[in-house]
Amino acid sequence: MDGFKTCVVILGIIVCLASGGSTGELLTATPGAPATLDGADQGYFLIDSFPRDADVYFDGKFLGETPVTVAVSTTGKPAHEISLIRGGYEPWSTTYQGNPRPGQTATVMAILVHATTSGAIQVISLPPGAASTLDRTHTMETPCTFAAVPIGDHEVSVYLPGYQTYYTSVNVRKGETAHVIANLSLLMPGGALSIGSTPGQAAVHIDGTYRGVTPHIAGNLAPGQHSVKVSKAGYVDWTGEVEVVAGVEAAIAPTLGRDPEPLYGTVSIISSPPGADVYADGVYLGQTRIGSPLVYRSVLPCIHEFHLAMAGYQDSTSTGVVRLGENYDLAIPLNPDPRPATGRISLLSQPSGADLFLNNVYRGPTPATVHTLMPGSYDVLVRLPGYQDWQAEARVAAGETVEMNATLIPIRPGDKVKGSIPAFLALGGLAVAALLCISRK
């Protein structure tokens, strides 16, 4: 797999039978009092790990954290299942055949390996040289590979001046590289889609990408057919194909029917401030956003753990009980780091899907949160084909989030369009023009 290296580490187990005072004895420290099991003539297992503090399960029974000494009958069960679990590491297990002799100690050492909880995303665009944005925050020039991407679903957008912005959703699996090939189409006037529902606050997915909750207006959609899914806990999903016409705002407002036998629940997640990375049971879900919650769909009914992380803020972990056919609302206030060095800008636009530029640099589609901005003044430009440019100035302070809402005004026939042209947008336009001239020769 290009751009991704896999490191294979072999687990080790060291087993040493040592009688008191014998040469070559590995046990050099006296462990705590042994866990006593049935049996008159006893031997011992000393179970240790690197690193320590792993949970020890011996024949299915939890005995504490490493190091643990277990007393066993020398004439008892001749095989033992030993398992170790430690957060952030791969589970470790082995079957030990036989029992130590009376008074003897068998030392079992487990070398734990860091869990692989990430993969990679390789993005190729045709033509190359586009700005590829991962989860509306991290931008690289194509062809590129985003490394150490948490497992789960991620958003990828590809932007190149003179071409239609490309959107897709990518699932990253443990230790694997997902591939995105964006075959860009020449820019043409796009359309918009206004989505409502009864009841409201239903999750909206367009072409497989989460857009927000109803009511919602999605802009910058290429003319043609688009698949739309509207879903809400306790109701049957609505799915359909919607025709988008250039320069026109289409509208749908489906009525959702009750689900008599729901199989899942949902979780709606918001954070203060927005822009936090969200993990559910260790799997990446996406980012909290300004203006609407991040909706976690098809959640099994049980207790789930949610972890939120954002640059400049302390991580936050909480648990919640999800029930069949119900939505669980999770609102997390984040505590700032004691000495933050950077700030951020979180911007919402109506319609969504506009291109965001800070100081003439493309930063992804809206809604977006741009992290790790040095304190100072930033020129903010929001651009969407068929709408007037929206411009403002934002002053960023360390440890603070500037929240902005851009309401875009449609361009009417005869309007004179004003607005600056981002530097690399102008260069990209010249490059496209040059390519067209060459192709005609």
Protein backbone atom coordinates (compact mmCIF):
# COMPACT_ATOMS: atom_id res chain seq x y z
CA MET A 1 0.00 0.00 0.00
CA ASP A 2 1.59 3.26 -1.19
CA GLY A 3 2.52 5.85 1.38
CA PHE A 4 1.85 3.60 4.32
CA LYS A 5 4.32 1.50 6.23
CA THR A 6 3.37 -1.37 8.46
CA CYS A 7 5.49 -2.32 11.42
CA VAL A 8 5.10 -5.86 12.64
CA VAL A 9 6.09 -6.54 16.22
CA ILE A 10 6.31 -10.09 17.51
CA LEU A 11 4.77 -10.73 20.89
CA GLY A 12 7.03 -12.47 23.32
CA ILE A 13 6.40 -14.79 26.21
CA ILE A 14 9.04 -15.84 28.67
CA VAL A 15 8.28 -18.82 30.85
CA CYS A 16 10.72 -19.86 33.53
CA LEU A 17 10.30 -22.61 36.06
CA ALA A 18 12.21 -21.59 39.14
CA SER A 19 12.52 -23.33 42.48
CA GLY A 20 13.59 -21.41 45.54
CA GLY A 21 17.33 -20.69 45.48
CA SER A 22 17.98 -22.34 42.11
CA THR A 23 20.42 -20.79 39.65
CA GLY A 24 18.97 -18.79 36.75
CA GLU A 25 15.93 -17.71 38.77
CA LEU A 26 14.16 -14.79 37.01
CA LEU A 27 12.16 -13.64 40.00
CA THR A 28 14.15 -10.83 41.60
CA ALA A 29 11.42 -9.04 43.52
CA THR A 30 8.87 -10.31 45.99
CA PRO A 31 5.38 -9.81 44.54
CA GLY A 32 2.30 -9.10 46.60
CA ALA A 33 0.36 -11.80 48.36
CA PRO A 34 -0.61 -14.50 45.86
CA ALA A 35 -4.20 -15.02 44.81
CA THR A 36 -5.16 -18.33 46.39
CA LEU A 37 -7.08 -20.97 44.42
CA ASP A 38 -8.16 -24.49 45.41
CA GLY A 39 -5.50 -27.14 46.05
CA ALA A 40 -3.32 -28.47 48.88
CA ASP A 41 0.02 -28.87 47.06
CA GLN A 42 0.52 -25.49 45.50
CA GLY A 43 2.69 -24.03 42.80
CA TYR A 44 2.66 -20.47 41.56
CA PHE A 45 2.29 -18.38 38.42
CA LEU A 46 3.90 -14.95 38.44
CA ILE A 47 2.16 -13.01 35.65
CA ASP A 48 3.85 -9.78 34.60
CA SER A 49 3.81 -7.47 31.61
CA PHE A 50 5.64 -4.64 29.93
CA PRO A 51 4.27 -2.10 30.44
CA ARG A 52 2.68 -3.02 33.75
CA ASP A 53 -0.79 -2.31 35.19
CA ALA A 54 -2.54 -4.61 32.71
CA ASP A 55 -5.73 -6.39 33.82
CA VAL A 56 -5.08 -10.10 34.39
CA TYR A 57 -7.66 -12.80 33.64
CA PHE A 58 -6.72 -16.32 34.73
CA ASP A 59 -9.08 -19.05 33.49
CA GLY A 60 -11.71 -16.36 33.01
CA LYS A 61 -11.36 -14.84 36.50
CA PHE A 62 -10.14 -11.28 37.02
CA LEU A 63 -7.25 -11.31 39.50
CA GLY A 64 -5.98 -7.73 39.44
CA GLU A 65 -3.29 -5.81 37.58
CA THR A 66 0.22 -6.95 36.69
CA PRO A 67 2.30 -8.10 38.43
CA VAL A 68 0.06 -10.81 39.93
CA THR A 69 1.03 -14.07 41.66
CA VAL A 70 -1.49 -16.92 41.35
CA ALA A 71 -1.45 -20.04 43.54
CA VAL A 72 -2.62 -23.23 41.77
CA SER A 73 -3.00 -26.89 42.67
CA THR A 74 -0.17 -28.97 41.23
CA THR A 75 -2.64 -31.78 40.54
CA GLY A 76 -5.45 -29.58 39.23
CA LYS A 77 -6.44 -28.51 35.74
CA PRO A 78 -3.42 -29.09 33.47
CA ALA A 79 -4.00 -26.12 31.11
CA HIS A 80 -4.68 -22.48 31.90
CA GLU A 81 -5.95 -19.56 29.82
CA ILE A 82 -4.11 -16.33 30.64
CA SER A 83 -5.29 -13.01 29.18
CA LEU A 84 -4.07 -9.46 29.70
CA ILE A 85 -5.86 -6.25 28.76
CA ARG A 86 -4.48 -2.73 28.96
CA GLY A 87 -5.95 0.42 27.42
CA GLY A 88 -4.13 1.53 24.28
CA TYR A 89 -2.57 -1.90 23.70
CA GLU A 90 -3.55 -5.01 21.77
CA PRO A 91 -5.18 -7.73 23.94
CA TRP A 92 -2.69 -10.48 24.87
CA SER A 93 -3.51 -14.12 25.62
CA THR A 94 -1.88 -17.52 25.83
CA THR A 95 -2.64 -21.09 26.92
CA TYR A 96 -0.16 -22.44 29.47
CA GLN A 97 0.13 -26.23 29.40
CA GLY A 98 0.81 -27.95 32.73
CA ASN A 99 1.17 -26.83 36.33
CA PRO A 100 4.25 -25.84 38.33
CA ARG A 101 5.54 -28.38 40.85
CA PRO A 102 4.99 -27.84 44.60
CA GLY A 103 6.69 -24.64 45.70
CA GLN A 104 7.74 -23.81 42.15
CA THR A 105 7.00 -20.52 40.31
CA ALA A 106 6.27 -20.21 36.60
CA THR A 107 6.91 -16.66 35.40
CA VAL A 108 4.80 -15.50 32.46
CA MET A 109 5.96 -12.23 30.89
CA ALA A 110 3.74 -10.54 28.28
CA ILE A 111 5.27 -7.92 25.98
CA LEU A 112 2.33 -5.69 25.08
CA VAL A 113 2.12 -3.94 21.72
CA HIS A 114 0.51 -0.57 21.13
CA ALA A 115 -2.91 -0.98 19.54
CA THR A 116 -3.18 0.00 15.90
CA THR A 117 -6.13 2.36 15.93
CA SER A 118 -5.47 4.19 12.70
CA GLY A 119 -5.03 3.81 8.98
CA ALA A 120 -4.34 6.20 6.12
CA ILE A 121 -6.12 7.93 3.25
CA GLN A 122 -4.43 8.41 -0.11
CA VAL A 123 -6.00 11.09 -2.32
CA ILE A 124 -5.33 11.41 -6.05
CA SER A 125 -7.01 14.04 -8.20
CA LEU A 126 -7.28 14.34 -11.96
CA PRO A 127 -5.84 16.86 -12.67
CA PRO A 128 -3.35 16.93 -9.76
CA GLY A 129 -2.41 19.94 -7.64
CA ALA A 130 -5.78 20.30 -5.92
CA ALA A 131 -6.37 21.15 -2.27
CA SER A 132 -7.58 18.02 -0.47
CA THR A 133 -9.21 18.63 2.92
CA LEU A 134 -9.77 15.92 5.52
CA ASP A 135 -12.66 16.37 7.96
CA ARG A 136 -12.89 20.07 7.05
CA THR A 137 -9.63 20.87 8.89
CA HIS A 138 -6.43 19.35 7.47
CA THR A 139 -5.45 20.35 3.91
CA MET A 140 -2.76 18.90 1.63
CA GLU A 141 -1.99 19.21 -2.07
CA THR A 142 -2.82 16.21 -4.24
CA PRO A 143 -1.47 13.63 -4.72
CA CYS A 144 -1.14 13.17 -0.98
CA THR A 145 -1.52 10.69 1.85
CA PHE A 146 -3.08 11.54 5.20
CA ALA A 147 -1.27 9.31 7.71
CA ALA A 148 -2.33 8.23 11.22
CA VAL A 149 -6.02 8.72 10.43
CA PRO A 150 -8.25 7.28 13.20
CA ILE A 151 -10.41 4.32 12.21
CA GLY A 152 -13.96 5.32 11.31
CA ASP A 153 -15.78 7.46 8.75
CA HIS A 154 -14.12 10.62 7.41
CA GLU A 155 -15.03 13.42 5.01
CA VAL A 156 -12.73 14.26 2.10
CA SER A 157 -13.16 17.24 -0.20
CA VAL A 158 -10.99 18.12 -3.21
CA TYR A 159 -10.90 21.71 -4.49
CA LEU A 160 -9.18 23.06 -7.61
CA PRO A 161 -9.85 26.48 -9.17
CA GLY A 162 -11.93 26.11 -12.31
CA TYR A 163 -13.33 22.73 -11.28
CA GLN A 164 -16.33 21.48 -9.35
CA THR A 165 -15.49 20.72 -5.70
CA TYR A 166 -15.46 16.95 -5.10
CA TYR A 167 -16.94 15.46 -1.91
CA THR A 168 -16.89 11.92 -0.57
CA SER A 169 -17.08 9.90 2.63
CA VAL A 170 -14.32 7.38 3.38
CA ASN A 171 -14.20 4.54 5.90
CA VAL A 172 -10.75 3.95 7.38
CA ARG A 173 -9.95 0.49 8.70
CA LYS A 174 -7.30 -0.57 11.14
CA GLY A 175 -3.84 -0.65 9.55
CA GLU A 176 -5.16 -0.12 6.01
CA THR A 177 -4.97 2.67 3.43
CA ALA A 178 -8.21 3.90 1.88
CA HIS A 179 -7.93 5.32 -1.64
CA VAL A 180 -9.77 8.31 -3.09
CA ILE A 181 -9.56 9.10 -6.80
CA ALA A 182 -11.23 12.43 -7.55
CA ASN A 183 -11.92 12.84 -11.26
CA LEU A 184 -12.66 16.56 -11.27
CA SER A 185 -15.20 18.10 -13.65
CA LEU A 186 -14.89 21.59 -15.09
CA LEU A 187 -16.71 24.18 -13.03
CA MET A 188 -20.29 24.89 -13.99
CA PRO A 189 -23.05 26.72 -12.13
CA GLY A 190 -24.32 24.53 -9.30
CA GLY A 191 -27.60 24.29 -7.49
CA ALA A 192 -28.86 24.00 -3.94
CA LEU A 193 -31.20 21.72 -2.04
CA SER A 194 -33.44 22.80 0.83
CA ILE A 195 -34.34 19.85 3.06
CA GLY A 196 -37.03 19.85 5.71
CA SER A 197 -38.80 17.00 7.48
CA THR A 198 -41.68 16.08 9.75
CA PRO A 199 -40.66 15.69 12.53
CA GLY A 200 -37.70 18.07 12.41
CA GLN A 201 -34.10 17.66 13.59
CA ALA A 202 -33.60 14.63 11.35
CA ALA A 203 -30.11 13.77 10.10
CA VAL A 204 -29.39 14.57 6.45
CA HIS A 205 -26.96 12.65 4.24
CA ILE A 206 -26.34 13.70 0.62
CA ASP A 207 -24.43 11.24 -1.54
CA GLY A 208 -23.37 9.44 1.64
CA THR A 209 -21.92 12.51 3.39
CA TYR A 210 -23.46 13.89 6.58
CA ARG A 211 -24.61 17.50 6.08
CA GLY A 212 -26.48 18.39 9.30
CA VAL A 213 -30.04 18.19 10.59
CA THR A 214 -33.31 19.46 9.15
CA PRO A 215 -34.10 22.15 8.23
CA HIS A 216 -30.94 22.43 6.14
CA ILE A 217 -29.88 24.10 2.89
CA ALA A 218 -27.02 22.39 1.04
CA GLY A 219 -25.32 24.44 -1.64
CA ASN A 220 -22.58 23.90 -4.22
CA LEU A 221 -24.22 20.75 -5.58
CA ALA A 222 -23.34 19.70 -9.11
CA PRO A 223 -26.31 19.61 -11.52
CA GLY A 224 -27.82 16.14 -11.80
CA GLN A 225 -29.13 13.38 -9.57
CA HIS A 226 -28.16 13.23 -5.89
CA SER A 227 -29.06 10.55 -3.36
CA VAL A 228 -30.60 11.89 -0.15
CA LYS A 229 -31.25 10.11 3.15
CA VAL A 230 -33.27 11.65 5.99
CA SER A 231 -33.27 9.72 9.26
CA LYS A 232 -34.36 10.08 12.87
CA ALA A 233 -34.41 7.68 15.82
CA GLY A 234 -37.72 5.85 16.09
CA TYR A 235 -38.68 6.57 12.48
CA VAL A 236 -38.20 4.79 9.16
CA ASP A 237 -35.44 6.31 7.04
CA TRP A 238 -36.51 8.29 3.98
CA THR A 239 -34.32 7.84 0.91
CA GLY A 240 -34.71 9.24 -2.56
CA GLU A 241 -33.06 10.70 -5.64
CA VAL A 242 -33.34 14.45 -6.13
CA GLU A 243 -32.63 16.34 -9.35
CA VAL A 244 -30.49 19.45 -8.84
CA VAL A 245 -30.64 22.15 -11.52
CA ALA A 246 -28.00 24.84 -11.96
CA GLY A 247 -28.97 28.12 -10.35
CA VAL A 248 -32.10 26.65 -8.74
CA GLU A 249 -32.79 25.79 -5.10
CA ALA A 250 -34.79 22.56 -5.07
CA ALA A 251 -36.80 21.65 -1.98
CA ILE A 252 -37.98 18.46 -0.31
CA ALA A 253 -39.77 17.94 3.01
CA PRO A 254 -40.55 14.25 3.59
CA THR A 255 -42.81 13.05 6.38
CA LEU A 256 -41.16 10.22 8.29
CA GLY A 257 -43.24 7.24 9.38
CA ARG A 258 -42.95 5.67 12.82
CA ASP A 259 -40.79 2.54 13.04
CA PRO A 260 -42.81 -0.11 14.94
CA GLU A 261 -39.72 -2.24 15.66
CA PRO A 262 -36.63 -0.02 15.85
CA LEU A 263 -33.27 -1.79 15.97
CA TYR A 264 -31.08 1.15 16.89
CA GLY A 265 -30.91 4.52 18.59
CA THR A 266 -28.99 7.69 17.78
CA VAL A 267 -26.72 10.11 19.61
CA SER A 268 -26.67 13.87 18.87
CA ILE A 269 -23.39 15.43 19.95
CA ILE A 270 -22.48 19.09 20.40
CA SER A 271 -19.51 20.68 22.10
CA SER A 272 -18.75 24.14 23.40
CA PRO A 273 -16.82 25.41 21.52
CA PRO A 274 -17.52 23.44 18.30
CA GLY A 275 -14.87 21.72 16.20
CA ALA A 276 -13.94 18.84 18.51
CA ASP A 277 -12.98 15.40 17.20
CA VAL A 278 -15.46 12.80 18.46
CA TYR A 279 -14.71 9.13 19.15
CA ALA A 280 -17.38 6.59 20.09
CA ASP A 281 -16.03 3.44 21.75
CA GLY A 282 -12.64 4.25 20.19
CA VAL A 283 -13.95 4.78 16.64
CA TYR A 284 -13.78 8.21 15.00
CA LEU A 285 -17.17 9.75 14.18
CA GLY A 286 -16.35 13.23 12.91
CA GLN A 287 -16.23 16.77 14.25
CA THR A 288 -18.79 18.70 16.23
CA ARG A 289 -19.95 21.65 14.20
CA ILE A 290 -21.44 25.06 14.61
CA GLY A 291 -25.18 25.34 14.04
CA SER A 292 -26.17 21.66 14.25
CA PRO A 293 -25.22 18.50 16.15
CA LEU A 294 -23.08 15.66 14.91
CA VAL A 295 -25.51 12.73 14.68
CA TYR A 296 -24.25 9.19 15.34
CA ARG A 297 -26.66 6.81 13.60
CA SER A 298 -27.43 3.08 13.95
CA VAL A 299 -26.20 2.87 17.54
CA LEU A 300 -26.76 -0.40 19.39
CA PRO A 301 -28.75 -0.13 22.65
CA CYS A 302 -26.22 -0.25 25.50
CA ILE A 303 -23.70 1.94 27.32
CA HIS A 304 -21.28 3.77 25.04
CA GLU A 305 -18.17 5.84 25.77
CA PHE A 306 -17.60 9.14 23.98
CA HIS A 307 -14.26 10.92 23.85
CA LEU A 308 -13.85 14.50 22.60
CA ALA A 309 -10.50 16.09 21.76
CA MET A 310 -9.59 19.51 20.37
CA ALA A 311 -6.34 21.45 20.12
CA GLY A 312 -6.07 24.01 22.92
CA TYR A 313 -8.59 22.21 25.13
CA GLN A 314 -8.48 19.36 27.61
CA ASP A 315 -9.88 16.03 26.43
CA SER A 316 -13.30 15.06 27.74
CA THR A 317 -14.74 11.55 28.16
CA SER A 318 -18.30 10.65 29.11
CA THR A 319 -20.67 7.70 28.89
CA GLY A 320 -24.30 7.48 27.87
CA VAL A 321 -27.05 4.87 27.65
CA VAL A 322 -28.59 4.51 24.19
CA ARG A 323 -32.08 3.00 23.94
CA LEU A 324 -33.97 1.53 21.01
CA GLY A 325 -35.78 4.11 18.91
CA GLU A 326 -34.56 7.04 21.00
CA ASN A 327 -32.07 9.85 20.56
CA TYR A 328 -29.51 10.57 23.26
CA ASP A 329 -28.45 14.23 23.45
CA LEU A 330 -24.84 14.74 24.50
CA ALA A 331 -23.63 18.30 25.17
CA ILE A 332 -19.99 18.59 26.26
CA PRO A 333 -18.38 21.82 27.52
CA LEU A 334 -14.63 21.71 26.91
CA ASN A 335 -12.14 23.21 29.35
CA PRO A 336 -9.31 25.27 27.81
CA ASP A 337 -5.68 24.44 28.39
CA PRO A 338 -4.09 26.61 31.11
CA ARG A 339 -1.73 28.32 28.66
CA PRO A 340 -3.16 28.19 25.12
CA ALA A 341 -0.99 29.55 22.31
CA THR A 342 -3.48 29.50 19.45
CA GLY A 343 -7.15 30.14 18.68
CA ARG A 344 -9.66 29.05 16.05
CA ILE A 345 -12.40 30.23 13.70
CA SER A 346 -15.67 28.31 13.41
CA LEU A 347 -17.88 29.37 10.50
CA LEU A 348 -21.38 28.43 9.39
CA SER A 349 -22.86 29.49 6.06
CA GLN A 350 -26.34 29.48 4.56
CA PRO A 351 -26.34 27.57 2.25
CA SER A 352 -23.68 25.16 3.44
CA GLY A 353 -20.98 23.74 1.19
CA ALA A 354 -19.37 27.09 0.39
CA ASP A 355 -15.59 27.44 -0.01
CA LEU A 356 -13.84 29.07 2.96
CA PHE A 357 -10.65 31.10 2.57
CA LEU A 358 -8.54 32.64 5.35
CA ASN A 359 -6.01 35.22 4.18
CA ASN A 360 -6.56 33.95 0.61
CA VAL A 361 -5.76 30.34 1.57
CA TYR A 362 -8.41 27.64 0.98
CA ARG A 363 -9.45 25.98 4.27
CA GLY A 364 -12.28 23.66 3.22
CA PRO A 365 -16.07 23.59 2.78
CA THR A 366 -18.49 25.13 5.26
CA PRO A 367 -19.41 24.53 8.00
CA ALA A 368 -15.79 24.44 9.11
CA THR A 369 -13.62 24.96 12.16
CA VAL A 370 -10.02 26.02 11.51
CA HIS A 371 -7.71 25.19 14.42
CA THR A 372 -4.27 26.31 15.63
CA LEU A 373 -4.47 29.85 14.30
CA MET A 374 -1.88 32.24 15.68
CA PRO A 375 -3.40 35.29 17.41
CA GLY A 376 -4.05 38.17 15.02
CA SER A 377 -6.34 39.46 12.30
CA TYR A 378 -7.64 37.24 9.47
CA ASP A 379 -9.44 38.14 6.25
CA VAL A 380 -12.37 35.73 5.87
CA LEU A 381 -13.84 35.02 2.44
CA VAL A 382 -16.79 32.68 1.79
CA ARG A 383 -17.45 31.90 -1.87
CA LEU A 384 -20.26 29.88 -3.44
CA PRO A 385 -21.08 29.84 -7.18
CA GLY A 386 -24.33 31.70 -7.84
CA TYR A 387 -24.01 33.81 -4.67
CA GLN A 388 -22.27 37.04 -3.80
CA ASP A 389 -18.95 36.71 -1.98
CA TRP A 390 -19.16 37.15 1.79
CA GLN A 391 -16.19 38.87 3.41
CA ALA A 392 -15.33 39.84 6.97
CA GLU A 393 -12.42 40.32 9.33
CA ALA A 394 -11.87 38.05 12.33
CA ARG A 395 -9.59 38.81 15.25
CA VAL A 396 -8.29 35.61 16.82
CA ALA A 397 -7.05 35.50 20.42
CA ALA A 398 -5.20 32.65 22.13
CA GLY A 399 -7.56 30.13 23.68
CA GLU A 400 -10.68 31.59 22.06
CA THR A 401 -13.02 30.55 19.24
CA VAL A 402 -14.41 33.14 16.84
CA GLU A 403 -17.86 31.96 15.71
CA MET A 404 -19.14 33.44 12.44
CA ASN A 405 -22.37 33.04 10.45
CA ALA A 406 -22.32 33.91 6.74
CA THR A 407 -25.72 34.35 5.09
CA LEU A 408 -25.06 34.30 1.35
CA ILE A 409 -27.12 36.43 -1.06
CA PRO A 410 -28.04 34.95 -4.48
CA ILE A 411 -26.77 36.78 -7.55
CA ARG A 412 -29.65 38.15 -9.60
CA PRO A 413 -29.49 38.77 -13.35
CA GLY A 414 -27.77 42.09 -13.98
CA ASP A 415 -25.93 42.18 -10.62
CA LYS A 416 -22.32 43.28 -10.72
CA VAL A 417 -20.26 40.78 -8.79
CA LYS A 418 -17.64 42.28 -6.52
CA GLY A 419 -15.04 40.42 -4.53
CA SER A 420 -11.40 39.65 -4.29
CA ILE A 421 -9.82 36.70 -6.05
CA PRO A 422 -7.69 34.49 -3.80
CA ALA A 423 -4.06 34.43 -4.90
CA PHE A 424 -3.82 30.73 -5.63
CA LEU A 425 -7.29 30.85 -7.25
CA ALA A 426 -5.98 33.37 -9.77
CA LEU A 427 -2.85 31.32 -10.40
CA GLY A 428 -4.96 28.19 -10.79
CA GLY A 429 -7.16 29.97 -13.32
CA LEU A 430 -4.11 30.98 -15.34
CA ALA A 431 -2.87 27.40 -15.23
CA VAL A 432 -6.20 26.09 -16.52
CA ALA A 433 -6.21 28.69 -19.29
CA ALA A 434 -2.67 27.72 -20.27
CA LEU A 435 -3.63 24.05 -20.45
CA LEU A 436 -6.60 24.89 -22.66
CA CYS A 437 -4.35 26.90 -25.00
CA ILE A 438 -1.86 24.05 -25.22
CA SER A 439 -4.62 21.54 -25.94
CA ARG A 440 -5.80 23.64 -28.90
CA LYS A 441 -2.39 23.70 -30.58
